[in-house]
Every structure is written in C-alpha cells, then in structure tokens.
C-alpha cells in the first residue's frame, strides 16, 4: 500500500516542531529500537482516539508509572537455548528489518520454549500448548517473535484472554484444574474448535521441544523504506522429525522424569554438543487481499492455508548453546510482541493488539521497569538511549543532567525515517465481532490430515475429558463443535462423552445458523459504519 506522500507530509510536520542537532544521537526504546516520533501518539485518523498499539507511548507511560519499585511475580516453566538466525533470502526491498537485509546475514538469538498454562515446577509432559519465543539481537534493537507450537489460538479477541486463562487454571476454591471449568468457558466460544482439536491431539503432548514446529501465530506487517507495507506470517518448520507422545506415553515418561524436555535439551545440546535447526517460512498478503478469503486473515483462530497463500523459505534458525545460569538467563528472559524493530509492525489482529500491551506490562510487573537492562534481555548490537530512569534493580549510572526531551542542551532526538507506516481508516469506533467467523472448517481439515491412530487418540483424549463434565448441555455443545468440523470426529467425541447424538446434531445445526446470523449482522454494521465516513 502506497503511503509515501502521507509519510513525507507527516514526517515534515513532526520535524518542523523540533530543532534537530546535526550530529544528534537517535532516541531509542528500551529494546534499542529507534523512535520515529516522540511528540505525537498514534491515533485513528486526525480526530480519532489514541491507539493501544503505539508501543513507544505505552512503554514510556508504563515506565514512568513504575519509577517507584513494585513487587514481583514468578513465571511459568521454560527452557532457554542460544543460537543464531541465518537469513537466506534478501528481503531488503520488502522490509527495513535488519535480519532480512541480505542473504547470508546472521543474527544472534535466544529462544525460550515453555509450557503455557501450567506452573513453574509442573511436569513438562502435561497437555498444553508450548511457547516458542525467539529474541533476535539486531543492530536495530531486539525483536521478539513470540509464538507457539500451534499455528492458531483459542480466541480471536484479547478481551477474552483473562477469562480463558482463569478457566484453564485451577479453581480458586479447590485449587484443582477441572475439565468442567474449561469446557464451561469454551461452550460459549465456538472459535476455539480448531485449537481445542490440536490441543487434545497428540500435538498437545510433544515429546521434545526440539522436535516440534513453531509459529508466530499472528499476522504482522513488513514495511519498506517508502512506508509501503504487506501482511506477513512466520512459521518455523523443524529439521528434526516431529515427535509427540500419546497420552499413555506422556504418563509413562512422567513417572520416570517430570522434566523430559529440559533433560533433552541439556543432554543433546548441553552435553553432547548437538545442534537443532528450523527453517523459517514466510507467507505474504497485500492489504487489498485481506477480504479475498472466506475467513479473516487477521483472525488468530485461522491458519493461512499454503494452497491459498504460498509459503517461501527465507532463513534458518540454529540452536547450539545452553545458558550458563538458568535463573540469570532463562528465568529472567523477558519476551514481548511489542519489542519490534523498524520494518516490522503489528497488524490489526485483535489478539496481537492486546498482547502488545499485556506481555510487556507483565514483564514490567514481574521483573521491574529495568527488565530490558538484564543481560539476557539487553540489546547486544544496539545501545539503549532514552530518559526512562530509576525503578527496581537499576544498576547503571549516568551523570547526564538532562532527563527529558526535547532539549536545547542535549542532542537526543527522534529520527523521522523510523516513523510508523500509515494506514487509511474508515468507519467509527465500534465493538462488533469479526463477520467472517468460519469457526469449524479448519478444525475438520486438521482432523482429516491425522492418521487413523492420531484421529482415534484425539477422540479418546477429548471425549474422555469431556465425559467428566456433569452438565449434559456442555457435553452436547462441545461435541457439536467437533461434529460441525467433521461428522466422524464429532460422533466419536459424543459417544465417549455420553452426549445424545440427536441433541448434538440439532445443536450443530443451530450453531451454524447462529454463526451465519452473527456474520450477516456484523457485516451489515461494518458496512454501515464505513459508509458513514465516505
């Protein structure tokens, strides 16, 4: 999308506000990335509200709010590994992002694998999505590609995230994690069908962090030097064979080693000196293509099928060294999707928009406002240069008297070359769902790609868990989700869950009709709001 003129005009306006020093150093964010504009927040149009995705604004205000030391919380179980990313395709015509500027370029990385729901000392064999977070130490600052081993997520709007996590976590009354709480929540969330299907398949119990794929999950934007952008998705494809435990194998292994994933990494890479690698694949869409599909490409419950959006290999991730100290590096590693660099920007994905704030804010609460000055988090190939000050565990010292900007006494200014890209907007502020829900189709496609054994394992795992839910209505609704994905899948789950098939079929039909009605209404509202602005 062409935005050169807009970027030039806005850049000129911003530049005219300040007296820029000829040899001024560039103002940066905490991750070392240069700041494009330190005078104006991002807004939705000239009179619109300020956008939550303005990560520099959020970071700046949150750091100021926490200049007095807060208390700290712990983080879930995870394992870290160092290595490098080698770029194989020159993408300098598509993005300013440093790692992709030339073929053969290498960038140091730190990767943290983790469980998502379960606690700090929980068994690593438990059924759970797995985190796959990659910190790139670039010369533009640190870029965090914070993803999972699943390419999709349970929900499509971050406003539901606290509720979803509460449902997965143990009861606040009994401290027990219970299927009745989980399925009660998801009986209201048909968009979860795809990810629930993956979770209760054998992919929910990977045998090793090194033998699984990874995904950035969200759509992001590649932005070139002219401010033009396209939407992109990142996928890590393992060069090690994919290995998953069956439910029975996971329980057996847990009886011998409750931390097999950590043991595996520290044995293979730490003791034997082996390496592990993944190929990075890129999918791209032009902005005008977003409405070309029967699903919304910015919906985190959907993949971009490679038959519709081809994927090309652009690089390789190699992991080759374990940390020297688990606490100082792995436990204190702080990842956030808001740690972006020039050339990579967030899309309008509603889950990503919420994560831009939530993840960084979690790290500020957990480790303090100086989390990004801890060595594992500190930029290695860029310099942090800003006026955030004091706070918990501040170890650096400075004699610089000027701790504000702009200033005529110190040349530390933003660089207009790194302003955000511009996106035309239409409509009004609103709270409406996506009108292209398509909650069940991709889950069915995933189910049919499994082997017969894999399909039966999935049915047994999900049906068995669902059977413990006391409310028949919930068992019927969840079975109906799966029935809409694939009739054999849904019938198998319903049988084990003791959900009457007549009710499952009727509920499945009702769900499809409700989905169509919601889609029609949401589309009508969206089109009406757009028309008002034209």
Protein backbone atom coordinates (compact mmCIF):
# COMPACT_ATOMS: atom_id res chain seq x y z
CA UNK A 1 0.00 0.00 0.00
CA UNK A 2 1.44 3.36 -1.04
CA UNK A 3 1.81 5.85 1.77
CA UNK A 4 4.95 7.71 0.66
CA UNK A 5 3.26 11.10 0.35
CA UNK A 6 1.50 10.76 3.70
CA UNK A 7 4.68 9.67 5.40
CA UNK A 8 6.60 12.58 3.80
CA UNK A 9 4.00 15.17 4.84
CA UNK A 10 3.61 13.87 8.40
CA UNK A 11 7.34 13.47 8.76
CA UNK A 12 7.82 17.06 7.65
CA UNK A 13 5.28 18.32 10.17
CA UNK A 14 6.92 16.42 13.00
CA UNK A 15 10.42 17.51 12.01
CA UNK A 16 9.36 21.17 11.91
CA UNK A 17 8.40 21.03 15.58
CA UNK A 18 11.96 20.41 16.74
CA UNK A 19 15.38 21.88 16.27
CA UNK A 20 17.38 18.81 15.28
CA UNK A 21 21.08 18.73 16.05
CA UNK A 22 23.31 17.89 13.10
CA UNK A 23 25.07 15.10 14.96
CA UNK A 24 22.24 14.14 17.31
CA UNK A 25 22.16 10.60 18.68
CA UNK A 26 18.93 8.72 17.99
CA UNK A 27 16.35 8.35 20.74
CA UNK A 28 15.52 4.68 21.31
CA UNK A 29 13.01 2.48 23.05
CA UNK A 30 14.01 0.09 25.84
CA UNK A 31 14.73 -2.68 23.30
CA UNK A 32 17.17 -0.39 21.49
CA UNK A 33 14.90 0.29 18.50
CA UNK A 34 14.99 3.88 17.22
CA UNK A 35 12.00 6.14 17.93
CA UNK A 36 10.30 7.71 14.91
CA UNK A 37 8.20 10.31 16.76
CA UNK A 38 8.41 11.28 20.43
CA UNK A 39 5.96 14.18 20.18
CA UNK A 40 2.77 12.65 18.80
CA UNK A 41 0.83 9.49 19.77
CA UNK A 42 -0.60 7.23 17.06
CA UNK A 43 -4.26 7.99 16.51
CA UNK A 44 -7.09 6.57 14.42
CA UNK A 45 -7.25 9.45 11.97
CA UNK A 46 -6.80 13.16 12.75
CA UNK A 47 -9.64 13.25 15.34
CA UNK A 48 -9.58 9.60 16.39
CA UNK A 49 -8.62 8.01 19.71
CA UNK A 50 -5.06 7.06 20.57
CA UNK A 51 -4.16 3.52 19.51
CA UNK A 52 -3.15 0.85 22.03
CA UNK A 53 -0.60 -0.45 19.52
CA UNK A 54 1.59 2.64 19.99
CA UNK A 55 4.17 0.62 21.89
CA UNK A 56 6.51 3.56 22.43
CA UNK A 57 3.73 5.54 24.14
CA UNK A 58 2.68 2.59 26.33
CA UNK A 59 6.27 1.75 27.25
CA UNK A 60 7.07 5.34 28.09
CA UNK A 61 4.00 5.85 30.30
CA UNK A 62 4.30 2.45 31.97
CA UNK A 63 7.96 3.08 32.79
CA UNK A 64 7.07 6.46 34.29
CA UNK A 65 4.23 4.90 36.33
CA UNK A 66 6.67 2.41 37.83
CA UNK A 67 9.59 4.61 38.75
CA UNK A 68 8.90 3.52 42.33
CA UNK A 69 9.69 -0.14 42.95
CA UNK A 70 6.74 -2.60 42.69
CA UNK A 71 6.63 -6.15 43.92
CA UNK A 72 7.49 -9.03 41.59
CA UNK A 73 5.86 -12.30 40.46
CA UNK A 74 7.32 -15.56 39.05
CA UNK A 75 6.99 -17.04 35.56
CA UNK A 76 5.91 -20.46 34.21
CA UNK A 77 8.24 -23.35 33.40
CA UNK A 78 10.52 -22.89 30.42
CA UNK A 79 13.88 -23.82 28.90
CA UNK A 80 16.21 -21.49 27.01
CA UNK A 81 18.82 -22.01 24.28
CA UNK A 82 21.16 -19.69 22.41
CA UNK A 83 21.93 -19.79 18.71
CA UNK A 84 21.66 -17.73 15.55
CA UNK A 85 19.35 -16.95 12.67
CA UNK A 86 20.86 -17.13 9.18
CA UNK A 87 18.94 -15.24 6.51
CA UNK A 88 18.81 -16.99 3.13
CA UNK A 89 16.82 -14.50 1.00
CA UNK A 90 17.49 -10.78 0.60
CA UNK A 91 14.21 -9.07 1.56
CA UNK A 92 15.57 -5.52 1.72
CA UNK A 93 13.07 -4.42 -0.94
CA UNK A 94 10.19 -5.51 1.34
CA UNK A 95 11.28 -4.55 4.85
CA UNK A 96 13.71 -2.36 6.76
CA UNK A 97 14.12 -5.10 9.38
CA UNK A 98 17.80 -5.79 9.96
CA UNK A 99 17.77 -9.63 9.98
CA UNK A 100 16.41 -9.75 6.41
CA UNK A 101 18.67 -7.22 4.69
CA UNK A 102 20.94 -9.64 2.84
CA UNK A 103 21.37 -13.31 2.06
CA UNK A 104 23.82 -14.97 4.43
CA UNK A 105 23.39 -12.42 7.21
CA UNK A 106 23.47 -13.93 10.72
CA UNK A 107 21.74 -12.58 13.82
CA UNK A 108 22.30 -13.90 17.37
CA UNK A 109 19.16 -15.24 19.08
CA UNK A 110 17.92 -16.53 22.39
CA UNK A 111 14.98 -18.95 22.26
CA UNK A 112 12.76 -19.82 25.19
CA UNK A 113 10.48 -22.85 24.96
CA UNK A 114 7.79 -23.12 27.61
CA UNK A 115 4.50 -24.57 28.75
CA UNK A 116 1.62 -22.11 28.62
CA UNK A 117 -0.89 -22.84 31.39
CA UNK A 118 0.88 -24.95 33.98
CA UNK A 119 3.07 -23.66 36.78
CA UNK A 120 6.76 -23.09 37.34
CA UNK A 121 7.60 -26.60 38.57
CA UNK A 122 4.85 -28.52 36.76
CA UNK A 123 5.59 -31.73 34.82
CA UNK A 124 6.62 -30.99 31.25
CA UNK A 125 4.53 -33.88 29.97
CA UNK A 126 1.17 -32.24 30.72
CA UNK A 127 -1.21 -31.47 27.85
CA UNK A 128 -0.65 -27.85 26.93
CA UNK A 129 0.34 -25.60 24.02
CA UNK A 130 4.07 -24.87 24.02
CA UNK A 131 5.63 -21.45 23.76
CA UNK A 132 8.24 -20.85 21.03
CA UNK A 133 9.70 -17.36 21.64
CA UNK A 134 12.69 -16.07 19.67
CA UNK A 135 14.66 -12.97 20.67
CA UNK A 136 16.72 -11.55 17.78
CA UNK A 137 19.62 -9.36 18.91
CA UNK A 138 19.70 -7.00 15.91
CA UNK A 139 21.59 -3.76 15.32
CA UNK A 140 18.20 -2.00 15.32
CA UNK A 141 17.43 -3.33 18.80
CA UNK A 142 15.85 -6.57 19.98
CA UNK A 143 12.98 -8.13 18.03
CA UNK A 144 10.86 -10.72 19.85
CA UNK A 145 8.88 -13.16 17.71
CA UNK A 146 6.71 -14.61 20.49
CA UNK A 147 4.80 -17.65 19.24
CA UNK A 148 3.65 -21.20 19.97
CA UNK A 149 3.99 -24.68 18.56
CA UNK A 150 0.36 -24.35 17.36
CA UNK A 151 -0.27 -22.00 14.39
CA UNK A 152 -3.67 -20.97 15.83
CA UNK A 153 -5.05 -19.78 19.17
CA UNK A 154 -8.21 -20.45 21.20
CA UNK A 155 -9.74 -16.96 20.92
CA UNK A 156 -9.61 -14.09 18.46
CA UNK A 157 -10.01 -11.09 20.77
CA UNK A 158 -7.70 -10.26 23.69
CA UNK A 159 -10.62 -9.08 25.81
CA UNK A 160 -11.38 -12.78 26.43
CA UNK A 161 -7.84 -13.73 27.38
CA UNK A 162 -8.02 -13.32 31.20
CA UNK A 163 -11.25 -15.34 31.29
CA UNK A 164 -9.77 -18.12 29.16
CA UNK A 165 -6.69 -18.40 31.37
CA UNK A 166 -8.83 -18.39 34.52
CA UNK A 167 -10.86 -21.28 33.09
CA UNK A 168 -7.70 -23.28 32.39
CA UNK A 169 -6.10 -22.52 35.75
CA UNK A 170 -7.03 -24.35 38.97
CA UNK A 171 -10.25 -23.40 40.74
CA UNK A 172 -9.79 -20.52 43.20
CA UNK A 173 -11.86 -22.56 45.68
CA UNK A 174 -10.38 -26.08 45.40
CA UNK A 175 -7.06 -25.35 43.59
CA UNK A 176 -7.93 -28.17 41.16
CA UNK A 177 -7.73 -27.86 37.39
CA UNK A 178 -11.02 -29.29 36.21
CA UNK A 179 -12.50 -30.09 32.77
CA UNK A 180 -15.90 -28.80 33.89
CA UNK A 181 -14.47 -25.29 34.23
CA UNK A 182 -12.55 -25.45 30.95
CA UNK A 183 -15.44 -26.75 28.86
CA UNK A 184 -17.95 -24.47 30.56
CA UNK A 185 -15.98 -21.49 29.23
CA UNK A 186 -15.38 -22.95 25.79
CA UNK A 187 -19.02 -23.93 25.36
CA UNK A 188 -19.50 -20.19 24.77
CA UNK A 189 -16.53 -19.90 22.38
CA UNK A 190 -17.05 -21.84 19.13
CA UNK A 191 -13.98 -20.17 17.61
CA UNK A 192 -11.88 -22.39 19.91
CA UNK A 193 -12.74 -25.56 17.93
CA UNK A 194 -9.54 -25.58 15.87
CA UNK A 195 -7.12 -25.07 18.77
CA UNK A 196 -9.00 -27.43 21.10
CA UNK A 197 -8.69 -30.05 18.37
CA UNK A 198 -4.93 -29.53 18.19
CA UNK A 199 -4.61 -29.48 21.98
CA UNK A 200 -6.35 -32.82 22.51
CA UNK A 201 -4.49 -34.45 19.63
CA UNK A 202 -1.01 -35.84 20.23
CA UNK A 203 0.35 -32.40 19.26
CA UNK A 204 -0.77 -31.31 22.74
CA UNK A 205 1.91 -33.56 24.27
CA UNK A 206 5.11 -33.02 22.25
CA UNK A 207 7.96 -35.42 23.02
CA UNK A 208 10.64 -32.73 22.77
CA UNK A 209 10.93 -29.00 22.27
CA UNK A 210 13.47 -29.74 19.55
CA UNK A 211 11.07 -31.98 17.64
CA UNK A 212 8.17 -29.62 17.08
CA UNK A 213 7.32 -26.79 14.68
CA UNK A 214 6.74 -23.21 15.76
CA UNK A 215 4.61 -20.31 14.58
CA UNK A 216 4.42 -16.57 15.08
CA UNK A 217 0.62 -17.17 15.07
CA UNK A 218 -0.25 -13.55 14.32
CA UNK A 219 -0.09 -11.56 11.11
CA UNK A 220 2.49 -8.77 11.18
CA UNK A 221 3.47 -6.13 8.64
CA UNK A 222 6.65 -5.85 6.59
CA UNK A 223 7.31 -2.15 5.93
CA UNK A 224 9.77 -0.87 3.33
CA UNK A 225 11.72 2.40 3.27
CA UNK A 226 8.88 4.17 1.43
CA UNK A 227 6.32 3.24 4.08
CA UNK A 228 4.61 0.64 1.89
CA UNK A 229 3.53 -2.50 3.73
CA UNK A 230 2.23 -6.01 3.30
CA UNK A 231 0.89 -8.53 5.81
CA UNK A 232 3.14 -11.47 6.70
CA UNK A 233 3.11 -14.63 8.80
CA UNK A 234 6.16 -16.52 10.12
CA UNK A 235 6.41 -20.30 10.57
CA UNK A 236 9.30 -22.35 11.96
CA UNK A 237 9.49 -25.83 10.37
CA UNK A 238 11.66 -28.26 12.30
CA UNK A 239 14.54 -30.05 10.59
CA UNK A 240 14.26 -32.69 13.31
CA UNK A 241 11.47 -35.27 12.92
CA UNK A 242 8.21 -34.23 14.59
CA UNK A 243 7.70 -36.37 17.70
CA UNK A 244 4.70 -36.40 20.00
CA UNK A 245 3.72 -38.53 22.98
CA UNK A 246 0.44 -40.35 23.10
CA UNK A 247 -1.45 -39.74 26.33
CA UNK A 248 -0.25 -43.09 27.67
CA UNK A 249 3.38 -42.43 26.71
CA UNK A 250 3.27 -39.00 28.38
CA UNK A 251 2.06 -40.52 31.65
CA UNK A 252 4.70 -43.24 31.50
CA UNK A 253 7.53 -40.77 30.85
CA UNK A 254 6.27 -38.50 33.62
CA UNK A 255 6.71 -41.36 36.08
CA UNK A 256 10.40 -41.54 35.18
CA UNK A 257 11.28 -37.87 34.51
CA UNK A 258 8.90 -34.97 35.13
CA UNK A 259 11.14 -32.64 33.11
CA UNK A 260 11.97 -34.63 29.94
CA UNK A 261 12.01 -31.54 27.70
CA UNK A 262 14.64 -29.79 29.82
CA UNK A 263 16.62 -33.02 30.16
CA UNK A 264 16.50 -33.50 26.40
CA UNK A 265 17.88 -30.04 25.59
CA UNK A 266 20.60 -30.10 28.23
CA UNK A 267 21.63 -33.60 27.13
CA UNK A 268 21.56 -33.16 23.36
CA UNK A 269 22.83 -29.58 23.12
CA UNK A 270 24.48 -29.03 26.50
CA UNK A 271 26.34 -32.34 26.96
CA UNK A 272 26.62 -33.90 23.51
CA UNK A 273 27.18 -30.64 21.64
CA UNK A 274 24.45 -31.32 19.10
CA UNK A 275 22.62 -28.57 17.24
CA UNK A 276 18.95 -28.24 16.34
CA UNK A 277 17.58 -26.22 13.44
CA UNK A 278 14.37 -24.91 11.95
CA UNK A 279 13.66 -23.33 8.56
CA UNK A 280 11.77 -20.03 8.62
CA UNK A 281 8.92 -19.77 6.14
CA UNK A 282 7.20 -16.54 5.17
CA UNK A 283 3.66 -16.00 3.86
CA UNK A 284 2.66 -12.62 2.44
CA UNK A 285 -0.58 -10.82 1.59
CA UNK A 286 -1.12 -7.41 0.05
CA UNK A 287 -3.55 -5.18 2.01
CA UNK A 288 -6.12 -5.36 -0.78
CA UNK A 289 -6.19 -9.17 -0.48
CA UNK A 290 -7.47 -9.25 3.12
CA UNK A 291 -11.11 -9.58 2.04
CA UNK A 292 -10.44 -12.21 -0.64
CA UNK A 293 -10.94 -15.23 1.65
CA UNK A 294 -13.92 -16.88 3.33
CA UNK A 295 -12.15 -16.26 6.66
CA UNK A 296 -10.49 -13.18 8.13
CA UNK A 297 -6.68 -13.47 7.71
CA UNK A 298 -6.23 -11.38 10.88
CA UNK A 299 -8.13 -13.96 12.97
CA UNK A 300 -5.75 -15.92 15.23
CA UNK A 301 -8.05 -18.95 15.17
CA UNK A 302 -7.21 -19.40 11.47
CA UNK A 303 -4.16 -20.50 9.52
CA UNK A 304 -3.34 -19.18 6.07
CA UNK A 305 -3.56 -22.42 4.06
CA UNK A 306 -0.47 -22.74 1.90
CA UNK A 307 -2.72 -23.75 -1.01
CA UNK A 308 -4.14 -20.21 -0.85
CA UNK A 309 -1.12 -18.26 0.44
CA UNK A 310 2.16 -19.92 -0.62
CA UNK A 311 4.99 -20.09 1.91
CA UNK A 312 8.62 -19.48 0.94
CA UNK A 313 11.71 -20.46 2.90
CA UNK A 314 13.69 -17.36 3.85
CA UNK A 315 16.04 -18.43 6.62
CA UNK A 316 17.30 -20.92 9.15
CA UNK A 317 17.38 -20.95 12.95
CA UNK A 318 20.22 -22.90 14.60
CA UNK A 319 20.36 -23.57 18.35
CA UNK A 320 23.75 -24.64 19.70
CA UNK A 321 24.38 -23.48 23.30
CA UNK A 322 22.59 -23.76 26.63
CA UNK A 323 22.70 -20.85 29.12
CA UNK A 324 25.44 -20.68 31.75
CA UNK A 325 22.91 -19.95 34.51
CA UNK A 326 19.22 -20.88 34.36
CA UNK A 327 17.90 -18.13 36.62
CA UNK A 328 20.02 -15.29 35.30
CA UNK A 329 19.19 -16.08 31.68
CA UNK A 330 16.21 -18.37 31.08
CA UNK A 331 14.12 -17.40 34.10
CA UNK A 332 14.79 -13.68 33.70
CA UNK A 333 14.34 -13.69 29.92
CA UNK A 334 11.55 -11.24 29.09
CA UNK A 335 9.72 -11.53 25.77
CA UNK A 336 7.02 -9.21 24.43
CA UNK A 337 5.41 -8.88 20.99
CA UNK A 338 5.77 -5.11 21.39
CA UNK A 339 9.55 -5.50 21.08
CA UNK A 340 9.57 -4.67 17.39
CA UNK A 341 12.15 -3.05 15.14
CA UNK A 342 11.87 -0.78 12.08
CA UNK A 343 10.42 -2.69 9.15
CA UNK A 344 8.17 -4.93 11.29
CA UNK A 345 4.90 -3.57 12.65
CA UNK A 346 1.78 -5.11 14.22
CA UNK A 347 -1.25 -5.93 12.13
CA UNK A 348 -4.80 -5.13 13.23
CA UNK A 349 -5.15 -8.67 14.65
CA UNK A 350 -7.24 -8.15 17.83
CA UNK A 351 -5.31 -10.72 19.87
CA UNK A 352 -1.97 -9.22 18.89
CA UNK A 353 -3.20 -5.71 19.70
CA UNK A 354 -3.93 -6.80 23.27
CA UNK A 355 -0.68 -8.74 23.61
CA UNK A 356 1.32 -5.65 22.63
CA UNK A 357 0.37 -4.17 25.99
CA UNK A 358 -0.15 -7.24 28.16
CA UNK A 359 3.15 -9.07 27.63
CA UNK A 360 5.38 -6.04 28.15
CA UNK A 361 3.33 -4.97 31.16
CA UNK A 362 3.64 -8.46 32.65
CA UNK A 363 7.43 -8.25 32.39
CA UNK A 364 7.46 -4.79 33.98
CA UNK A 365 5.44 -6.19 36.88
CA UNK A 366 7.44 -9.41 37.15
CA UNK A 367 10.97 -8.04 36.75
CA UNK A 368 10.53 -4.29 37.06
CA UNK A 369 10.90 -1.43 34.61
CA UNK A 370 14.57 -2.32 34.11
CA UNK A 371 13.81 -5.80 32.81
CA UNK A 372 15.39 -4.93 29.46
CA UNK A 373 18.71 -4.00 31.09
CA UNK A 374 19.20 -7.51 32.44
CA UNK A 375 21.96 -9.00 30.23
CA UNK A 376 19.81 -11.68 28.53
CA UNK A 377 17.26 -9.00 27.59
CA UNK A 378 19.60 -6.14 26.84
CA UNK A 379 20.31 -5.27 23.20
CA UNK A 380 23.68 -6.72 22.24
CA UNK A 381 24.10 -4.90 18.94
CA UNK A 382 22.34 -1.61 19.72
CA UNK A 383 22.51 0.99 22.50
CA UNK A 384 19.65 1.88 24.88
CA UNK A 385 19.47 5.67 24.80
CA UNK A 386 16.46 7.29 26.46
CA UNK A 387 15.27 9.06 29.59
CA UNK A 388 13.47 6.29 31.49
CA UNK A 389 15.02 6.39 34.96
CA UNK A 390 15.33 4.64 38.33
CA UNK A 391 12.91 1.87 39.33
CA UNK A 392 13.57 -1.63 40.58
CA UNK A 393 17.08 -3.07 40.11
CA UNK A 394 18.53 -0.10 38.26
CA UNK A 395 22.24 -0.86 38.07
CA UNK A 396 23.51 1.66 35.51
CA UNK A 397 24.77 5.11 36.44
CA UNK A 398 24.71 8.36 34.50
CA UNK A 399 25.93 11.87 35.11
CA UNK A 400 23.64 13.30 32.43
CA UNK A 401 21.55 16.13 33.91
CA UNK A 402 19.03 16.26 31.05
CA UNK A 403 16.43 13.52 31.54
CA UNK A 404 13.72 14.95 29.28
CA UNK A 405 13.16 15.55 25.57
CA UNK A 406 13.12 17.79 23.61
CA UNK A 407 16.05 19.80 24.94
CA UNK A 408 18.31 22.52 23.61
CA UNK A 409 21.06 21.30 25.94
CA UNK A 410 21.29 17.71 24.67
CA UNK A 411 21.03 16.39 21.14
CA UNK A 412 18.93 13.26 21.62
CA UNK A 413 16.11 13.32 19.13
CA UNK A 414 13.78 11.05 17.21
CA UNK A 415 14.59 10.11 13.62
CA UNK A 416 11.64 10.67 11.24
CA UNK A 417 12.98 7.88 8.99
CA UNK A 418 11.61 5.39 11.51
CA UNK A 419 8.06 6.72 11.82
CA UNK A 420 5.27 4.14 11.76
CA UNK A 421 3.64 3.37 8.42
CA UNK A 422 0.28 4.97 7.68
CA UNK A 423 -2.98 3.08 7.19
CA UNK A 424 -6.19 4.63 5.83
CA UNK A 425 -9.18 4.17 8.13
CA UNK A 426 -12.94 4.24 7.62
CA UNK A 427 -15.84 3.86 10.00
CA UNK A 428 -16.38 4.74 13.63
CA UNK A 429 -15.18 3.36 16.92
CA UNK A 430 -17.07 0.12 17.44
CA UNK A 431 -17.31 -3.16 19.34
CA UNK A 432 -18.50 -5.81 16.91
CA UNK A 433 -17.27 -9.37 16.16
CA UNK A 434 -15.49 -10.47 13.00
CA UNK A 435 -18.12 -11.10 10.36
CA UNK A 436 -16.14 -13.96 8.80
CA UNK A 437 -16.09 -16.40 11.72
CA UNK A 438 -15.85 -19.81 9.98
CA UNK A 439 -15.36 -21.47 13.36
CA UNK A 440 -15.26 -25.14 12.36
CA UNK A 441 -13.90 -25.76 8.83
CA UNK A 442 -10.14 -25.66 9.51
CA UNK A 443 -10.52 -27.91 12.56
CA UNK A 444 -12.08 -30.54 10.30
CA UNK A 445 -9.27 -30.19 7.78
CA UNK A 446 -6.71 -30.72 10.56
CA UNK A 447 -8.59 -33.79 11.83
CA UNK A 448 -8.69 -35.40 8.39
CA UNK A 449 -4.93 -34.93 7.95
CA UNK A 450 -4.21 -37.01 11.05
CA UNK A 451 -3.50 -40.72 10.76
CA UNK A 452 -6.28 -43.09 11.80
CA UNK A 453 -4.39 -43.68 15.03
CA UNK A 454 -3.99 -39.95 15.57
CA UNK A 455 -7.70 -39.36 14.97
CA UNK A 456 -8.63 -42.02 17.50
CA UNK A 457 -6.16 -40.65 20.07
CA UNK A 458 -7.75 -37.21 19.66
CA UNK A 459 -11.27 -38.60 20.07
CA UNK A 460 -10.22 -40.60 23.14
CA UNK A 461 -8.43 -37.64 24.76
CA UNK A 462 -11.16 -35.09 24.16
CA UNK A 463 -14.11 -37.41 24.68
CA UNK A 464 -12.61 -38.79 27.87
CA UNK A 465 -12.01 -35.32 29.33
CA UNK A 466 -15.44 -34.11 28.29
CA UNK A 467 -17.14 -37.13 29.86
CA UNK A 468 -16.25 -35.84 33.34
CA UNK A 469 -18.29 -32.66 32.85
CA UNK A 470 -21.55 -33.03 34.82
CA UNK A 471 -23.71 -30.77 32.63
CA UNK A 472 -25.11 -32.57 29.59
CA UNK A 473 -25.66 -29.24 27.82
CA UNK A 474 -21.92 -28.50 27.85
CA UNK A 475 -21.06 -32.01 26.64
CA UNK A 476 -23.56 -31.60 23.78
CA UNK A 477 -22.28 -28.16 22.73
CA UNK A 478 -18.60 -29.17 22.66
CA UNK A 479 -19.48 -32.37 20.75
CA UNK A 480 -21.49 -30.24 18.30
CA UNK A 481 -18.43 -28.05 17.64
CA UNK A 482 -16.50 -31.14 16.62
CA UNK A 483 -19.45 -32.51 14.64
CA UNK A 484 -19.50 -29.31 12.59
CA UNK A 485 -15.77 -29.76 11.98
CA UNK A 486 -16.14 -33.41 10.93
CA UNK A 487 -19.11 -35.73 11.48
CA UNK A 488 -16.99 -38.77 12.38
CA UNK A 489 -14.93 -36.67 14.78
CA UNK A 490 -17.99 -35.22 16.50
CA UNK A 491 -19.80 -38.55 16.69
CA UNK A 492 -16.75 -40.20 18.26
CA UNK A 493 -16.40 -37.48 20.89
CA UNK A 494 -20.13 -37.51 21.65
CA UNK A 495 -20.16 -41.27 22.17
CA UNK A 496 -17.36 -41.16 24.75
CA UNK A 497 -18.78 -38.05 26.40
CA UNK A 498 -22.25 -39.62 26.62
CA UNK A 499 -23.80 -36.73 24.70
CA UNK A 500 -27.07 -37.77 22.93
CA UNK A 501 -26.49 -37.68 19.17
CA UNK A 502 -29.93 -36.28 18.40
CA UNK A 503 -29.14 -33.25 20.56
CA UNK A 504 -25.63 -32.99 19.13
CA UNK A 505 -26.93 -32.86 15.55
CA UNK A 506 -29.59 -30.26 16.38
CA UNK A 507 -27.13 -28.13 18.33
CA UNK A 508 -24.61 -28.35 15.49
CA UNK A 509 -27.27 -27.10 13.08
CA UNK A 510 -28.24 -24.28 15.45
CA UNK A 511 -24.60 -23.25 15.82
CA UNK A 512 -24.18 -22.97 12.06
CA UNK A 513 -27.32 -20.86 11.79
CA UNK A 514 -26.19 -18.63 14.67
CA UNK A 515 -22.79 -18.21 13.06
CA UNK A 516 -24.41 -17.16 9.77
CA UNK A 517 -26.75 -14.73 11.53
CA UNK A 518 -23.90 -13.13 13.52
CA UNK A 519 -21.83 -12.85 10.37
CA UNK A 520 -24.63 -11.16 8.44
CA UNK A 521 -25.31 -8.69 11.25
CA UNK A 522 -21.65 -7.87 11.84
CA UNK A 523 -21.07 -7.35 8.12
CA UNK A 524 -24.08 -5.04 7.92
CA UNK A 525 -22.85 -2.97 10.88
CA UNK A 526 -19.33 -2.78 9.47
CA UNK A 527 -20.56 -1.69 6.04
CA UNK A 528 -22.90 0.88 7.56
CA UNK A 529 -20.14 2.42 9.66
CA UNK A 530 -17.83 2.52 6.66
CA UNK A 531 -20.50 4.19 4.53
CA UNK A 532 -20.90 6.98 7.09
CA UNK A 533 -17.31 8.04 6.51
CA UNK A 534 -17.41 8.01 2.72
